[in-house]
Amino acid sequence: MLKVVEINNLTVEYPDVKALDDVSLVVNQGDFLGIIGPNGAGKSTLFASMLGLNTRYNGTIKFFDKDIKKSKNYLKQLGYVPQKPIFEKNFPVTVTDVVRMGLRKESDENKIDEILQQLWIHELRERRIGELSGGQQQRVFIAKALVNNPKILILDEPVTGIDQQSIDLFFSILKELNSKQKITIIWSSHDLDAVNKLANHVACINRTLFFHGESEKFFSNDELVKQYSEASMQEHMHHH
């Protein structure tokens, strides 16, 4: 199997807390990895480190066998969809404008059309982004992430605050991207059912790595799921 991501002994410390403690994991080409963990477990810190936004960590992060501190080239192969993209509601940009922002080369204009059709938002192309529903907006941001044919798609809790119908459509799109286009997907979620259905691998993070392996092994082991749920509940109580 071709390793596309390799994280070794990743530790991130802030003045008052250790956000991640000695996390190591490997993602192979074509994997669909679901990352689960309670709020405050370090998932966003993990993503920030992987995306080169947080460089103050110990350990190594490699994409395509190269240390990301030595080369930023890997970023061209990544698409990223944040939790809640921030934009001014009345900002006068259309769906096409937003997707175009993701393009690296002007010559790929026709790629925009293609990706809008693939995500069922072609008829919205001239609409302002602020007029769309949450689910439609999220598909626009996925289109922006996909317009460069990335090898890896990273999604940080992408369905927060979106209606169920949009979520179902969104998940079927992800499944297709992974199975048909062979895009490696790394996706953090609170929805254990969705992770169980979609992901072939799972990583449970609660500052340390609690489990990393095949989804089936995790979800078919009641003891593991129970331990994970209890740890999450404690973390939840701790935060309130």
Protein backbone atom coordinates (compact mmCIF):
# COMPACT_ATOMS: atom_id res chain seq x y z
CA MET A 1 0.00 0.00 0.00
CA LEU A 2 1.20 3.48 -0.82
CA LYS A 3 1.43 5.68 2.29
CA VAL A 4 0.14 9.17 1.57
CA VAL A 5 0.28 10.49 5.14
CA GLU A 6 2.57 9.40 7.93
CA ILE A 7 2.45 11.03 11.35
CA ASN A 8 5.02 10.04 13.97
CA ASN A 9 4.97 10.95 17.67
CA LEU A 10 3.08 14.20 17.10
CA THR A 11 2.91 16.26 20.28
CA VAL A 12 1.47 19.78 20.49
CA GLU A 13 1.71 21.74 23.73
CA TYR A 14 0.12 25.06 24.51
CA PRO A 15 1.11 26.94 27.69
CA ASP A 16 -1.71 25.47 29.78
CA VAL A 17 -2.55 22.22 27.99
CA LYS A 18 -1.15 19.38 25.93
CA ALA A 19 -3.44 19.40 22.89
CA LEU A 20 -1.94 16.24 21.34
CA ASP A 21 0.28 13.71 23.02
CA ASP A 22 2.46 11.32 21.01
CA VAL A 23 0.01 10.62 18.17
CA SER A 24 1.22 8.33 15.36
CA LEU A 25 -0.85 7.18 12.41
CA VAL A 26 -0.58 6.22 8.75
CA VAL A 27 -3.07 6.89 5.96
CA ASN A 28 -2.79 4.80 2.80
CA GLN A 29 -3.80 5.86 -0.67
CA GLY A 30 -7.54 5.37 -1.20
CA ASP A 31 -8.35 5.19 2.52
CA PHE A 32 -11.48 6.80 3.90
CA LEU A 33 -10.39 7.68 7.44
CA GLY A 34 -12.95 8.87 9.97
CA ILE A 35 -11.43 10.77 12.89
CA ILE A 36 -13.63 10.77 15.97
CA GLY A 37 -13.19 12.31 19.37
CA PRO A 38 -15.00 14.61 21.80
CA ASN A 39 -14.82 18.41 21.59
CA GLY A 40 -11.41 19.54 22.76
CA ALA A 41 -9.85 16.19 21.81
CA GLY A 42 -7.29 17.80 19.49
CA LYS A 43 -8.85 17.04 16.10
CA SER A 44 -8.64 20.63 14.87
CA THR A 45 -5.08 20.91 16.21
CA LEU A 46 -4.20 17.77 14.27
CA PHE A 47 -5.63 19.26 11.06
CA ALA A 48 -3.95 22.63 11.62
CA SER A 49 -0.61 20.82 11.99
CA MET A 50 -1.21 18.68 8.88
CA LEU A 51 -2.12 21.77 6.84
CA GLY A 52 1.01 23.61 7.92
CA LEU A 53 -1.00 26.22 9.86
CA ASN A 54 0.52 25.14 13.15
CA THR A 55 4.28 24.54 12.94
CA ARG A 56 4.95 24.42 16.67
CA TYR A 57 4.87 20.71 17.23
CA ASN A 58 7.25 17.90 18.09
CA GLY A 59 7.34 14.78 15.94
CA THR A 60 7.09 14.49 12.16
CA ILE A 61 4.31 14.81 9.61
CA LYS A 62 4.98 13.45 6.14
CA PHE A 63 2.83 13.71 3.05
CA PHE A 64 3.87 11.56 0.08
CA ASP A 65 7.00 10.58 1.99
CA LYS A 66 8.27 14.15 2.48
CA ASP A 67 8.48 16.03 5.76
CA ILE A 68 6.07 18.96 5.51
CA LYS A 69 8.49 21.24 7.37
CA LYS A 70 10.95 20.81 4.49
CA SER A 71 8.56 21.33 1.57
CA LYS A 72 5.13 22.88 1.07
CA ASN A 73 4.61 21.17 -2.31
CA TYR A 74 2.19 18.67 -0.80
CA LEU A 75 -0.41 21.42 -0.36
CA LYS A 76 -1.07 21.37 -4.12
CA GLN A 77 -2.35 17.80 -3.73
CA LEU A 78 -4.74 18.65 -0.89
CA GLY A 79 -8.30 19.89 -0.81
CA TYR A 80 -9.54 21.23 2.52
CA VAL A 81 -13.08 21.97 3.70
CA PRO A 82 -13.24 23.76 7.06
CA GLN A 83 -15.99 23.34 9.60
CA LYS A 84 -17.85 26.57 8.91
CA PRO A 85 -16.34 28.67 6.15
CA ILE A 86 -16.44 32.30 7.26
CA PHE A 87 -17.72 34.85 4.80
CA GLU A 88 -19.79 38.02 4.85
CA LYS A 89 -23.40 37.13 4.06
CA ASN A 90 -23.84 40.05 1.65
CA PHE A 91 -20.46 39.63 0.00
CA PRO A 92 -21.14 39.87 -3.74
CA VAL A 93 -19.52 36.66 -4.93
CA THR A 94 -21.29 34.00 -6.94
CA VAL A 95 -20.93 30.24 -6.64
CA THR A 96 -18.71 30.26 -9.75
CA ASP A 97 -16.47 32.96 -8.20
CA VAL A 98 -15.96 30.91 -5.03
CA VAL A 99 -15.05 27.74 -6.92
CA ARG A 100 -12.74 29.73 -9.22
CA MET A 101 -10.77 30.85 -6.13
CA GLY A 102 -9.65 27.24 -5.76
CA LEU A 103 -8.21 27.06 -9.26
CA ARG A 104 -4.44 27.13 -9.60
CA LYS A 105 -4.29 27.63 -13.36
CA GLU A 106 -6.57 29.98 -15.27
CA SER A 107 -6.61 27.48 -18.12
CA ASP A 108 -8.81 25.08 -16.17
CA GLU A 109 -12.01 27.16 -16.37
CA ASN A 110 -13.98 24.24 -17.85
CA LYS A 111 -13.12 22.24 -14.73
CA ILE A 112 -15.47 24.57 -12.82
CA ASP A 113 -18.48 23.49 -14.88
CA GLU A 114 -17.57 19.87 -14.52
CA ILE A 115 -17.27 20.01 -10.74
CA LEU A 116 -20.50 22.04 -10.30
CA GLN A 117 -22.39 19.39 -12.23
CA GLN A 118 -20.80 16.59 -10.26
CA LEU A 119 -21.97 18.17 -6.97
CA TRP A 120 -25.48 19.03 -8.25
CA ILE A 121 -25.03 22.79 -7.90
CA HIS A 122 -24.70 23.69 -11.58
CA GLU A 123 -28.02 25.55 -11.66
CA LEU A 124 -26.84 27.72 -8.75
CA ARG A 125 -23.69 28.89 -10.50
CA GLU A 126 -24.73 32.57 -10.79
CA ARG A 127 -26.34 32.78 -7.36
CA ARG A 128 -24.66 34.69 -4.57
CA ILE A 129 -23.09 32.45 -1.98
CA GLY A 130 -25.00 34.25 0.83
CA GLU A 131 -28.38 33.29 -0.67
CA LEU A 132 -27.76 29.55 -0.46
CA SER A 133 -28.77 27.10 2.25
CA GLY A 134 -26.09 25.68 4.56
CA GLY A 135 -26.02 22.39 2.66
CA GLN A 136 -25.66 24.14 -0.71
CA GLN A 137 -22.88 26.38 0.62
CA GLN A 138 -21.00 23.39 1.92
CA ARG A 139 -21.15 21.74 -1.50
CA VAL A 140 -19.76 24.93 -3.04
CA PHE A 141 -16.79 24.77 -0.64
CA ILE A 142 -16.26 21.12 -1.53
CA ALA A 143 -16.31 22.10 -5.21
CA LYS A 144 -13.65 24.73 -4.46
CA ALA A 145 -11.56 22.07 -2.70
CA LEU A 146 -11.96 19.59 -5.58
CA VAL A 147 -11.43 21.85 -8.57
CA ASN A 148 -7.67 21.09 -8.62
CA ASN A 149 -8.07 17.30 -8.63
CA PRO A 150 -6.53 16.82 -5.18
CA LYS A 151 -5.26 13.39 -4.17
CA ILE A 152 -6.37 13.94 -0.58
CA LEU A 153 -9.49 15.65 0.76
CA ILE A 154 -9.48 16.83 4.39
CA LEU A 155 -12.83 17.70 5.96
CA ASP A 156 -13.21 19.17 9.45
CA GLU A 157 -16.71 18.30 10.73
CA PRO A 158 -18.21 19.47 7.44
CA VAL A 159 -21.89 18.89 8.23
CA THR A 160 -22.25 20.93 11.41
CA GLY A 161 -25.59 22.75 11.30
CA ILE A 162 -26.83 21.26 8.02
CA ASP A 163 -30.22 19.58 7.47
CA GLN A 164 -30.46 15.80 7.19
CA GLN A 165 -31.33 15.69 3.48
CA SER A 166 -28.23 17.74 2.62
CA ILE A 167 -26.14 15.53 4.91
CA ASP A 168 -27.28 12.36 3.11
CA LEU A 169 -26.47 13.87 -0.28
CA PHE A 170 -23.14 15.11 1.02
CA PHE A 171 -22.20 11.65 2.30
CA SER A 172 -23.15 9.96 -0.97
CA ILE A 173 -20.91 12.46 -2.81
CA LEU A 174 -18.01 11.65 -0.47
CA LYS A 175 -18.51 7.92 -0.97
CA GLU A 176 -18.42 8.37 -4.73
CA LEU A 177 -15.30 10.57 -4.63
CA ASN A 178 -13.57 7.89 -2.60
CA SER A 179 -14.72 4.78 -4.47
CA LYS A 180 -14.87 6.06 -8.07
CA GLN A 181 -12.22 8.79 -8.15
CA LYS A 182 -9.99 7.11 -5.58
CA ILE A 183 -9.55 10.31 -3.59
CA THR A 184 -8.16 9.63 -0.12
CA ILE A 185 -10.48 11.20 2.46
CA ILE A 186 -9.62 12.27 6.01
CA TRP A 187 -12.74 13.44 7.77
CA SER A 188 -13.46 14.36 11.37
CA SER A 189 -16.96 13.79 12.66
CA HIS A 190 -19.07 13.39 15.79
CA ASP A 191 -21.46 11.09 13.98
CA LEU A 192 -20.40 7.53 14.86
CA ASP A 193 -23.13 6.01 12.67
CA ALA A 194 -21.94 7.92 9.62
CA VAL A 195 -18.31 6.98 10.29
CA ASN A 196 -19.33 3.35 10.66
CA LYS A 197 -21.16 3.44 7.31
CA LEU A 198 -18.65 5.43 5.27
CA ALA A 199 -15.13 5.09 6.59
CA ASN A 200 -12.97 2.00 6.12
CA HIS A 201 -10.57 3.16 8.84
CA VAL A 202 -11.14 5.00 12.05
CA ALA A 203 -8.91 6.97 14.42
CA CYS A 204 -10.22 7.82 17.88
CA ILE A 205 -8.37 10.77 19.32
CA ASN A 206 -8.68 12.17 22.80
CA ARG A 207 -5.38 14.06 22.96
CA THR A 208 -3.70 10.68 22.68
CA LEU A 209 -4.59 8.10 20.06
CA PHE A 210 -7.12 5.76 21.63
CA PHE A 211 -7.56 3.52 18.58
CA HIS A 212 -6.45 3.47 14.95
CA GLY A 213 -7.40 0.68 12.56
CA GLU A 214 -10.18 -0.81 10.47
CA SER A 215 -13.63 0.57 11.23
CA GLU A 216 -15.06 -2.90 11.41
CA LYS A 217 -12.65 -3.86 14.19
CA PHE A 218 -13.64 -0.82 16.20
CA PHE A 219 -17.41 -0.87 15.68
CA SER A 220 -17.79 -4.62 16.12
CA ASN A 221 -16.00 -4.45 19.48
CA ASP A 222 -18.61 -3.34 22.03
CA GLU A 223 -15.96 -2.94 24.71
CA LEU A 224 -13.94 -0.48 22.61
CA VAL A 225 -17.00 1.56 21.63
CA LYS A 226 -18.10 1.64 25.28
CA GLN A 227 -14.66 2.79 26.46
CA TYR A 228 -14.60 5.45 23.79
CA SER A 229 -18.11 6.68 24.68
CA GLU A 230 -17.27 6.83 28.38
CA ALA A 231 -14.09 8.78 27.72
CA SER A 232 -16.05 11.18 25.52
CA MET A 233 -18.73 11.65 28.17
CA GLN A 234 -16.11 12.40 30.82
CA GLU A 235 -14.46 14.92 28.52
CA HIS A 236 -17.86 16.48 27.84
CA MET A 237 -18.64 16.79 31.58
CA HIS A 238 -15.14 18.19 32.12
CA HIS A 239 -15.78 20.95 29.59
CA HIS A 240 -19.09 22.04 31.10
